[in-house]
């Protein structure tokens, strides 16, 4: 398909909405896609069709609807396997989100850890790729260590490797492919090669990369890769864990229940082979159907074209934001090895910090949706000496004209907070919560 942004936007009815601006309705400018993407009509219709025409539970239902639901669910697994370059659909495990997929990794890999073993992450990780490993370390006596980042926001691979961060005690290395705060694209293959030299298992959080660019799990060099549906124009409530089949087959179950078993007796149980070993209970059937529709939609657009558009908009945004006085971008200031998430802090003309929640509120009053908080990456914000930031994130439906609206609104925000308090007009009373989803 030709990459026509206006034609693509027609697939997303929500983008036709207006927002109640301060001076009347204004076009909705959605710049929060790193948190969750909008959904094209075809994804919603696929879910609707499944529920209205094929709804049943999967696996053991010996009737027409059960057979249709099972076929839809397993064919969705095959679509996702092809989308990320898996060798077999048996390497695709459906979870409820990327956080559950990463917890699955931590729980199952952690079962073999011993006191003194080391787990390596990075300071730029989402909390979902920090907290599960902290819990495993507390439970097993393993030691959690981490890569630092440079002042530019790049993963300090050279410094970490030179200091012996990965060594003979390292059993697991788990890093993000693309930072949800800095936008940095990390050299995962280089880190994976260093880890594999010591026999460590490599886990990758690809939540921000699979939606934005072509990802081949084998080319990454990883052993396990987690991503989520709702950031790749798919539904909420479903995530994916890809793993090398031999590794998955060696891991213990994560959750116990129906469908993940082979045989159950009161004296003990045996378990199904992957992927079903890790899918206890009724799985996200309709969500899998919707996610397959999302993967087909992205494939039709072409992930190379999606990545090229994301790069174009990101470069345009970075250039525009550089003109806003008092704005500091966290992470690379140029669109080189960089994804679409751009986090920044903002100051008044006298040098006072403007809180991201205030920035978000004023932008929202102009119909612009961004995110304010620490984006579930508090250690990274502490590393840069800030409590929180504002994040604008584009996607395949973002127009450069929307970036112009953002830049103009940020200039107005600086002007608003740079005036003496008594001259400021009342602000809307909406509030936002700090942190939250990716």
Protein backbone atom coordinates (compact mmCIF):
# COMPACT_ATOMS: atom_id res chain seq x y z
CA UNK A 1 0.00 0.00 0.00
CA UNK A 2 1.22 3.54 -0.65
CA UNK A 3 1.86 5.40 2.59
CA UNK A 4 -0.78 8.14 2.43
CA UNK A 5 -1.22 9.63 5.91
CA UNK A 6 -4.59 11.20 5.12
CA UNK A 7 -5.89 7.90 3.77
CA UNK A 8 -4.51 6.07 6.79
CA UNK A 9 -6.17 8.51 9.16
CA UNK A 10 -9.52 7.71 7.54
CA UNK A 11 -9.11 4.19 8.98
CA UNK A 12 -9.10 5.65 12.52
CA UNK A 13 -12.51 7.22 13.28
CA UNK A 14 -11.37 8.59 16.64
CA UNK A 15 -8.96 10.97 14.87
CA UNK A 16 -11.98 12.78 13.42
CA UNK A 17 -13.04 13.85 16.91
CA UNK A 18 -12.81 17.36 18.22
CA UNK A 19 -11.84 18.33 21.74
CA UNK A 20 -13.47 21.05 23.90
CA UNK A 21 -10.80 23.73 23.59
CA UNK A 22 -10.67 26.89 25.69
CA UNK A 23 -12.20 28.98 22.88
CA UNK A 24 -14.46 26.29 21.43
CA UNK A 25 -14.02 22.88 19.77
CA UNK A 26 -10.59 22.16 18.30
CA UNK A 27 -9.27 19.19 16.29
CA UNK A 28 -7.97 16.34 18.43
CA UNK A 29 -4.18 16.04 18.20
CA UNK A 30 -3.25 12.65 19.59
CA UNK A 31 0.42 12.53 20.61
CA UNK A 32 0.29 9.74 23.21
CA UNK A 33 0.85 6.70 21.01
CA UNK A 34 3.82 5.43 23.04
CA UNK A 35 1.25 4.90 25.78
CA UNK A 36 -1.40 3.33 23.58
CA UNK A 37 -2.06 3.56 19.86
CA UNK A 38 -5.42 4.25 18.27
CA UNK A 39 -7.20 1.36 16.51
CA UNK A 40 -8.19 1.16 12.85
CA UNK A 41 -11.73 0.19 11.93
CA UNK A 42 -10.60 -3.22 10.59
CA UNK A 43 -9.30 -4.27 14.01
CA UNK A 44 -12.52 -3.29 15.77
CA UNK A 45 -14.59 -5.05 13.09
CA UNK A 46 -12.52 -8.25 13.39
CA UNK A 47 -13.22 -8.38 17.12
CA UNK A 48 -16.90 -7.58 16.57
CA UNK A 49 -17.25 -10.30 13.92
CA UNK A 50 -15.62 -12.87 16.18
CA UNK A 51 -17.95 -12.14 19.09
CA UNK A 52 -21.08 -11.93 16.93
CA UNK A 53 -20.42 -14.92 14.66
CA UNK A 54 -17.77 -17.28 16.07
CA UNK A 55 -17.72 -16.88 19.86
CA UNK A 56 -16.83 -20.00 21.86
CA UNK A 57 -14.00 -21.24 24.04
CA UNK A 58 -11.00 -22.83 22.39
CA UNK A 59 -9.17 -26.14 22.41
CA UNK A 60 -11.59 -28.82 23.66
CA UNK A 61 -14.97 -27.60 22.37
CA UNK A 62 -16.23 -30.37 20.05
CA UNK A 63 -18.74 -28.28 18.11
CA UNK A 64 -18.82 -25.89 15.17
CA UNK A 65 -18.30 -22.64 17.07
CA UNK A 66 -15.55 -24.19 19.20
CA UNK A 67 -13.73 -25.37 16.10
CA UNK A 68 -14.06 -21.94 14.48
CA UNK A 69 -12.83 -20.14 17.60
CA UNK A 70 -9.87 -22.51 17.94
CA UNK A 71 -8.95 -22.05 14.30
CA UNK A 72 -9.17 -18.26 14.64
CA UNK A 73 -7.03 -18.26 17.78
CA UNK A 74 -4.31 -20.55 16.44
CA UNK A 75 -4.22 -18.85 13.04
CA UNK A 76 -3.73 -15.54 14.88
CA UNK A 77 -0.71 -17.10 16.57
CA UNK A 78 0.67 -17.97 13.14
CA UNK A 79 0.14 -14.40 11.89
CA UNK A 80 2.08 -12.99 14.85
CA UNK A 81 4.86 -15.55 14.36
CA UNK A 82 5.31 -14.43 10.76
CA UNK A 83 5.13 -10.76 11.76
CA UNK A 84 8.21 -11.01 14.02
CA UNK A 85 10.10 -13.67 12.07
CA UNK A 86 9.55 -16.59 14.46
CA UNK A 87 10.56 -20.05 13.23
CA UNK A 88 7.26 -21.57 14.32
CA UNK A 89 3.92 -20.45 15.76
CA UNK A 90 4.74 -22.69 18.73
CA UNK A 91 7.26 -20.01 19.75
CA UNK A 92 4.44 -17.46 20.29
CA UNK A 93 2.88 -17.29 23.76
CA UNK A 94 -0.13 -15.04 24.29
CA UNK A 95 -0.25 -13.11 27.56
CA UNK A 96 -2.46 -10.27 28.73
CA UNK A 97 0.22 -7.60 28.13
CA UNK A 98 3.99 -7.11 27.91
CA UNK A 99 4.23 -6.74 31.68
CA UNK A 100 2.83 -10.25 32.16
CA UNK A 101 5.21 -11.56 29.49
CA UNK A 102 8.20 -10.06 31.33
CA UNK A 103 6.94 -11.42 34.65
CA UNK A 104 6.64 -14.83 32.99
CA UNK A 105 10.30 -14.55 31.98
CA UNK A 106 11.39 -13.49 35.46
CA UNK A 107 9.39 -16.20 37.22
CA UNK A 108 10.44 -19.09 35.01
CA UNK A 109 14.08 -18.13 34.45
CA UNK A 110 14.35 -17.16 38.10
CA UNK A 111 13.49 -20.71 39.18
CA UNK A 112 17.07 -21.78 38.42
CA UNK A 113 18.87 -18.82 40.02
CA UNK A 114 21.07 -19.25 43.08
CA UNK A 115 22.59 -16.79 45.58
CA UNK A 116 25.34 -14.78 43.94
CA UNK A 117 24.01 -15.20 40.39
CA UNK A 118 23.63 -11.88 38.59
CA UNK A 119 20.83 -10.30 36.57
CA UNK A 120 21.66 -7.33 34.36
CA UNK A 121 19.14 -4.69 33.27
CA UNK A 122 19.55 -0.98 32.48
CA UNK A 123 18.61 2.27 34.18
CA UNK A 124 16.39 3.18 31.19
CA UNK A 125 13.99 0.26 31.69
CA UNK A 126 10.26 0.55 32.15
CA UNK A 127 9.25 -0.55 35.65
CA UNK A 128 7.88 -3.75 34.08
CA UNK A 129 11.45 -4.73 33.28
CA UNK A 130 12.86 -3.74 36.67
CA UNK A 131 10.41 -4.76 39.38
CA UNK A 132 10.00 -8.44 38.33
CA UNK A 133 13.78 -8.88 38.42
CA UNK A 134 14.00 -7.15 41.79
CA UNK A 135 11.44 -9.60 43.15
CA UNK A 136 13.37 -12.54 41.72
CA UNK A 137 16.62 -11.25 43.24
CA UNK A 138 14.98 -10.89 46.66
CA UNK A 139 13.52 -14.37 46.42
CA UNK A 140 16.65 -16.18 45.22
CA UNK A 141 19.57 -14.18 46.59
CA UNK A 142 20.64 -13.17 43.09
CA UNK A 143 22.19 -9.73 42.53
CA UNK A 144 20.62 -7.10 40.27
CA UNK A 145 23.06 -4.92 38.29
CA UNK A 146 22.48 -2.41 35.50
CA UNK A 147 23.87 -0.51 32.53
CA UNK A 148 24.02 3.27 32.91
CA UNK A 149 23.19 5.74 30.15
CA UNK A 150 25.28 8.55 28.68
CA UNK A 151 24.34 12.21 29.05
CA UNK A 152 22.89 12.03 25.54
CA UNK A 153 20.61 9.19 26.62
CA UNK A 154 22.41 6.33 24.90
CA UNK A 155 22.90 2.99 26.62
CA UNK A 156 26.49 2.97 27.93
CA UNK A 157 27.35 -0.41 26.48
CA UNK A 158 31.09 0.21 26.20
CA UNK A 159 31.37 1.45 29.77
CA UNK A 160 29.32 -1.44 31.11
CA UNK A 161 31.25 -4.11 29.26
CA UNK A 162 34.61 -2.52 30.13
CA UNK A 163 33.71 -2.60 33.83
CA UNK A 164 32.81 -6.29 33.71
CA UNK A 165 29.10 -5.74 34.15
CA UNK A 166 28.50 -8.94 32.18
CA UNK A 167 30.67 -11.74 33.49
CA UNK A 168 30.73 -15.42 34.43
CA UNK A 169 28.17 -14.80 37.21
CA UNK A 170 25.67 -13.24 34.78
CA UNK A 171 22.72 -15.54 34.16
CA UNK A 172 20.13 -13.16 32.69
CA UNK A 173 20.36 -9.90 30.73
CA UNK A 174 17.07 -8.07 30.17
CA UNK A 175 16.98 -4.76 28.29
CA UNK A 176 14.61 -2.66 26.27
CA UNK A 177 14.96 -2.42 22.51
CA UNK A 178 13.62 1.15 22.38
CA UNK A 179 13.27 3.41 25.43
CA UNK A 180 9.72 4.56 26.14
CA UNK A 181 11.14 7.84 27.56
CA UNK A 182 14.28 8.66 25.57
CA UNK A 183 13.31 7.06 22.28
CA UNK A 184 16.80 5.55 22.13
CA UNK A 185 17.20 2.45 19.97
CA UNK A 186 19.60 0.15 21.81
CA UNK A 187 22.25 -2.10 20.20
CA UNK A 188 20.54 -5.26 21.41
CA UNK A 189 22.53 -7.61 19.18
CA UNK A 190 25.81 -6.32 20.63
CA UNK A 191 24.60 -6.78 24.21
CA UNK A 192 23.19 -10.22 23.37
CA UNK A 193 26.50 -11.36 21.90
CA UNK A 194 28.34 -10.28 25.06
CA UNK A 195 25.79 -12.06 27.25
CA UNK A 196 25.83 -15.26 25.21
CA UNK A 197 29.62 -15.38 25.47
CA UNK A 198 29.05 -16.15 29.17
CA UNK A 199 26.06 -18.42 28.60
CA UNK A 200 23.50 -15.89 29.86
CA UNK A 201 19.90 -15.76 28.66
CA UNK A 202 18.83 -12.54 26.92
CA UNK A 203 15.35 -11.05 27.36
CA UNK A 204 14.23 -8.04 25.30
CA UNK A 205 11.33 -5.67 25.98
CA UNK A 206 10.24 -4.76 22.43
CA UNK A 207 7.04 -2.94 23.39
CA UNK A 208 8.19 0.29 21.71
CA UNK A 209 9.97 -1.27 18.72
CA UNK A 210 7.62 -3.91 17.29
CA UNK A 211 4.94 -1.26 16.58
CA UNK A 212 7.38 1.20 14.99
CA UNK A 213 9.87 -0.72 12.86
CA UNK A 214 10.58 -4.09 11.26
CA UNK A 215 11.65 -6.49 14.02
CA UNK A 216 13.11 -9.93 13.38
CA UNK A 217 13.48 -11.72 16.68
CA UNK A 218 16.35 -13.85 15.44
CA UNK A 219 18.27 -10.83 14.15
CA UNK A 220 17.97 -9.27 17.60
CA UNK A 221 19.99 -12.14 19.00
CA UNK A 222 17.59 -12.46 21.93
CA UNK A 223 16.28 -15.63 23.56
CA UNK A 224 12.95 -14.15 24.70
CA UNK A 225 11.15 -11.06 23.35
CA UNK A 226 8.09 -9.39 24.88
CA UNK A 227 5.72 -6.93 23.23
CA UNK A 228 2.12 -5.79 23.54
CA UNK A 229 -0.90 -5.47 21.30
CA UNK A 230 -2.31 -2.11 22.25
CA UNK A 231 0.73 -0.14 21.03
CA UNK A 232 0.65 -1.71 17.54
CA UNK A 233 -2.90 -0.62 16.58
CA UNK A 234 -4.22 -3.77 18.28
CA UNK A 235 -6.58 -4.27 21.22
CA UNK A 236 -5.81 -3.94 24.89
CA UNK A 237 -5.70 -7.08 27.02
CA UNK A 238 -3.19 -9.04 24.96
CA UNK A 239 0.59 -9.27 24.85
CA UNK A 240 3.06 -11.62 23.20
CA UNK A 241 6.12 -13.48 24.36
CA UNK A 242 8.32 -14.96 21.68
CA UNK A 243 10.91 -17.48 22.80
CA UNK A 244 13.31 -19.97 21.25
CA UNK A 245 11.35 -23.19 21.33
CA UNK A 246 14.10 -25.21 23.00
CA UNK A 247 14.29 -22.62 25.77
CA UNK A 248 10.51 -22.47 26.24
CA UNK A 249 10.41 -26.25 26.42
CA UNK A 250 12.97 -26.20 29.25
CA UNK A 251 11.08 -23.66 31.38
CA UNK A 252 8.57 -24.51 34.12
CA UNK A 253 4.97 -23.27 33.97
CA UNK A 254 4.18 -19.73 35.07
CA UNK A 255 0.52 -20.10 36.08
CA UNK A 256 -1.40 -23.27 36.83
CA UNK A 257 -4.89 -24.11 35.61
CA UNK A 258 -6.80 -25.42 32.65
CA UNK A 259 -5.28 -25.93 29.19
CA UNK A 260 -1.66 -25.77 30.40
CA UNK A 261 -1.70 -29.36 31.59
CA UNK A 262 -1.06 -32.72 30.02
CA UNK A 263 -2.32 -34.95 32.82
CA UNK A 264 -3.56 -34.07 36.31
CA UNK A 265 -3.71 -36.55 39.19
CA UNK A 266 -4.00 -35.86 42.88
CA UNK A 267 -0.42 -37.10 43.25
CA UNK A 268 0.98 -34.68 40.66
CA UNK A 269 0.63 -33.19 37.20
CA UNK A 270 2.45 -33.10 33.89
CA UNK A 271 2.34 -30.12 31.59
CA UNK A 272 1.60 -29.34 27.97
CA UNK A 273 4.40 -28.38 25.60
CA UNK A 274 4.89 -24.72 24.64
CA UNK A 275 3.14 -22.48 23.94
CA UNK A 276 0.09 -23.85 25.80
CA UNK A 277 2.16 -24.59 28.91
CA UNK A 278 2.21 -20.84 29.53
CA UNK A 279 -1.45 -20.09 28.71
CA UNK A 280 -3.42 -21.21 31.74
CA UNK A 281 -7.19 -20.78 31.60
CA UNK A 282 -9.29 -19.15 28.92
CA UNK A 283 -6.92 -17.11 26.76
CA UNK A 284 -7.60 -13.69 25.19
CA UNK A 285 -9.33 -15.19 22.15
CA UNK A 286 -11.07 -12.20 20.60
CA UNK A 287 -8.05 -10.03 21.45
CA UNK A 288 -5.81 -12.45 19.54
CA UNK A 289 -8.12 -12.18 16.54
CA UNK A 290 -7.91 -8.38 16.79
CA UNK A 291 -4.14 -8.45 17.17
CA UNK A 292 -3.79 -10.60 14.06
CA UNK A 293 -5.90 -8.04 12.19
CA UNK A 294 -3.56 -5.33 13.48
CA UNK A 295 -0.49 -7.25 12.31
CA UNK A 296 -2.03 -7.75 8.88
CA UNK A 297 -2.85 -4.03 8.71
CA UNK A 298 0.74 -3.06 9.55
CA UNK A 299 2.10 -5.62 7.11
CA UNK A 300 -0.09 -4.17 4.34
CA UNK A 301 1.27 -0.69 5.09
CA UNK A 302 4.81 -2.05 5.22
CA UNK A 303 6.84 -1.77 8.40
CA UNK A 304 9.69 -0.14 6.48
CA UNK A 305 7.27 2.62 5.49
CA UNK A 306 5.95 2.90 9.03
CA UNK A 307 9.51 3.30 10.31
CA UNK A 308 10.35 5.88 7.63
CA UNK A 309 7.28 7.94 8.50
CA UNK A 310 8.06 7.72 12.21
CA UNK A 311 11.61 8.91 11.51
CA UNK A 312 10.37 11.83 9.41
CA UNK A 313 7.89 13.02 12.03
CA UNK A 314 10.39 12.55 14.88
CA UNK A 315 13.06 14.60 13.06
CA UNK A 316 10.50 17.31 12.33
CA UNK A 317 9.36 17.33 15.97
CA UNK A 318 12.89 17.53 17.37
CA UNK A 319 13.65 20.49 15.10
CA UNK A 320 10.43 22.22 16.16
CA UNK A 321 10.91 21.60 19.87
CA UNK A 322 14.42 23.06 19.64
CA UNK A 323 12.79 26.45 18.95
CA UNK A 324 10.81 26.47 22.22
CA UNK A 325 12.63 28.51 24.90
CA UNK A 326 13.35 26.62 28.10
CA UNK A 327 12.63 23.18 26.61
CA UNK A 328 15.10 20.38 27.33
CA UNK A 329 14.77 17.09 25.47
CA UNK A 330 15.67 13.99 27.49
CA UNK A 331 17.55 11.69 25.17
CA UNK A 332 19.03 12.14 21.71
CA UNK A 333 18.27 15.53 20.15
CA UNK A 334 18.66 14.20 16.62
CA UNK A 335 16.62 11.46 14.93
CA UNK A 336 19.50 8.99 14.70
CA UNK A 337 18.95 5.51 16.12
CA UNK A 338 15.86 6.94 17.73
CA UNK A 339 12.17 6.04 18.07
CA UNK A 340 9.21 8.38 18.22
CA UNK A 341 8.86 9.02 21.97
CA UNK A 342 10.16 12.50 22.87
CA UNK A 343 10.24 13.43 26.56
CA UNK A 344 11.12 16.91 27.70
CA UNK A 345 11.10 19.38 30.57
CA UNK A 346 9.98 22.99 30.27
CA UNK A 347 11.00 26.21 32.06
CA UNK A 348 9.64 29.72 32.22
CA UNK A 349 11.70 32.58 30.80
CA UNK A 350 13.01 33.19 34.33
CA UNK A 351 14.20 29.58 34.69
CA UNK A 352 11.42 28.11 36.85
CA UNK A 353 10.40 24.54 36.12
CA UNK A 354 6.87 24.08 34.76
CA UNK A 355 5.38 20.85 36.11
CA UNK A 356 4.54 18.29 33.38
CA UNK A 357 0.99 18.00 34.70
CA UNK A 358 0.53 21.74 34.16
CA UNK A 359 2.02 21.44 30.69
CA UNK A 360 -0.30 18.53 29.90
CA UNK A 361 -3.34 20.44 31.16
CA UNK A 362 -2.66 23.50 29.04
CA UNK A 363 -2.00 21.34 25.98
CA UNK A 364 -5.19 19.39 26.65
CA UNK A 365 -7.10 22.68 26.68
CA UNK A 366 -5.94 23.06 23.07
CA UNK A 367 -6.94 19.53 22.13
CA UNK A 368 -3.41 18.07 22.32
CA UNK A 369 -3.03 14.73 24.10
CA UNK A 370 0.43 14.14 25.61
CA UNK A 371 1.61 12.34 28.73
CA UNK A 372 2.94 13.89 31.92
CA UNK A 373 4.74 11.96 34.68
CA UNK A 374 7.67 9.59 34.95
CA UNK A 375 6.21 7.17 32.38
CA UNK A 376 6.89 4.15 34.61
CA UNK A 377 10.61 4.91 34.39
CA UNK A 378 11.40 6.71 37.61
CA UNK A 379 15.05 5.55 37.93
CA UNK A 380 15.77 7.02 34.49
CA UNK A 381 14.29 10.37 35.46
CA UNK A 382 16.39 10.37 38.65
CA UNK A 383 19.44 9.63 36.50
CA UNK A 384 18.77 12.88 34.62
CA UNK A 385 18.01 14.81 37.78
CA UNK A 386 14.34 15.44 37.06
CA UNK A 387 11.21 14.32 38.88
CA UNK A 388 9.09 13.85 35.78
CA UNK A 389 8.69 14.95 32.18
CA UNK A 390 6.19 15.60 29.42
CA UNK A 391 6.16 13.09 26.58
CA UNK A 392 4.87 13.57 23.05
CA UNK A 393 4.81 10.45 20.90
CA UNK A 394 3.81 10.12 17.26
CA UNK A 395 2.81 7.14 15.14
CA UNK A 396 1.87 6.17 11.62
CA UNK A 397 -1.18 8.49 11.58
CA UNK A 398 0.63 11.61 12.87
CA UNK A 399 0.92 14.62 10.54
CA UNK A 400 3.68 17.22 10.68
CA UNK A 401 0.96 19.88 10.90
CA UNK A 402 0.03 18.38 14.28
CA UNK A 403 3.62 18.90 15.40
CA UNK A 404 3.26 22.56 14.42
CA UNK A 405 0.19 22.77 16.67
CA UNK A 406 2.20 21.23 19.53
CA UNK A 407 5.14 23.63 19.13
CA UNK A 408 2.83 26.65 19.02
CA UNK A 409 0.99 25.45 22.14
CA UNK A 410 4.27 24.91 24.02
CA UNK A 411 5.40 28.43 23.17
CA UNK A 412 2.10 29.71 24.51
CA UNK A 413 2.53 27.57 27.63
CA UNK A 414 5.94 29.11 28.33
CA UNK A 415 4.42 32.55 27.85
CA UNK A 416 1.51 31.76 30.15
CA UNK A 417 3.69 30.62 33.05
CA UNK A 418 6.23 33.39 32.48
CA UNK A 419 3.61 36.05 33.25
CA UNK A 420 3.07 37.24 36.84
CA UNK A 421 0.53 34.94 38.58
CA UNK A 422 -2.10 37.68 38.95
CA UNK A 423 -2.28 38.17 35.17
CA UNK A 424 -2.88 34.51 34.34
CA UNK A 425 -6.33 33.41 33.27
CA UNK A 426 -7.83 30.47 35.22
CA UNK A 427 -6.76 27.07 33.93
CA UNK A 428 -9.04 24.10 33.33
CA UNK A 429 -9.53 21.96 36.43
CA UNK A 430 -8.66 18.64 34.78
CA UNK A 431 -6.01 16.55 36.51
CA UNK A 432 -3.76 13.73 35.42
CA UNK A 433 -2.08 10.99 37.39
CA UNK A 434 1.65 10.55 37.37
CA UNK A 435 3.20 7.34 36.06
CA UNK A 436 0.72 4.81 34.72
CA UNK A 437 1.09 2.69 31.63
CA UNK A 438 4.03 2.84 29.29
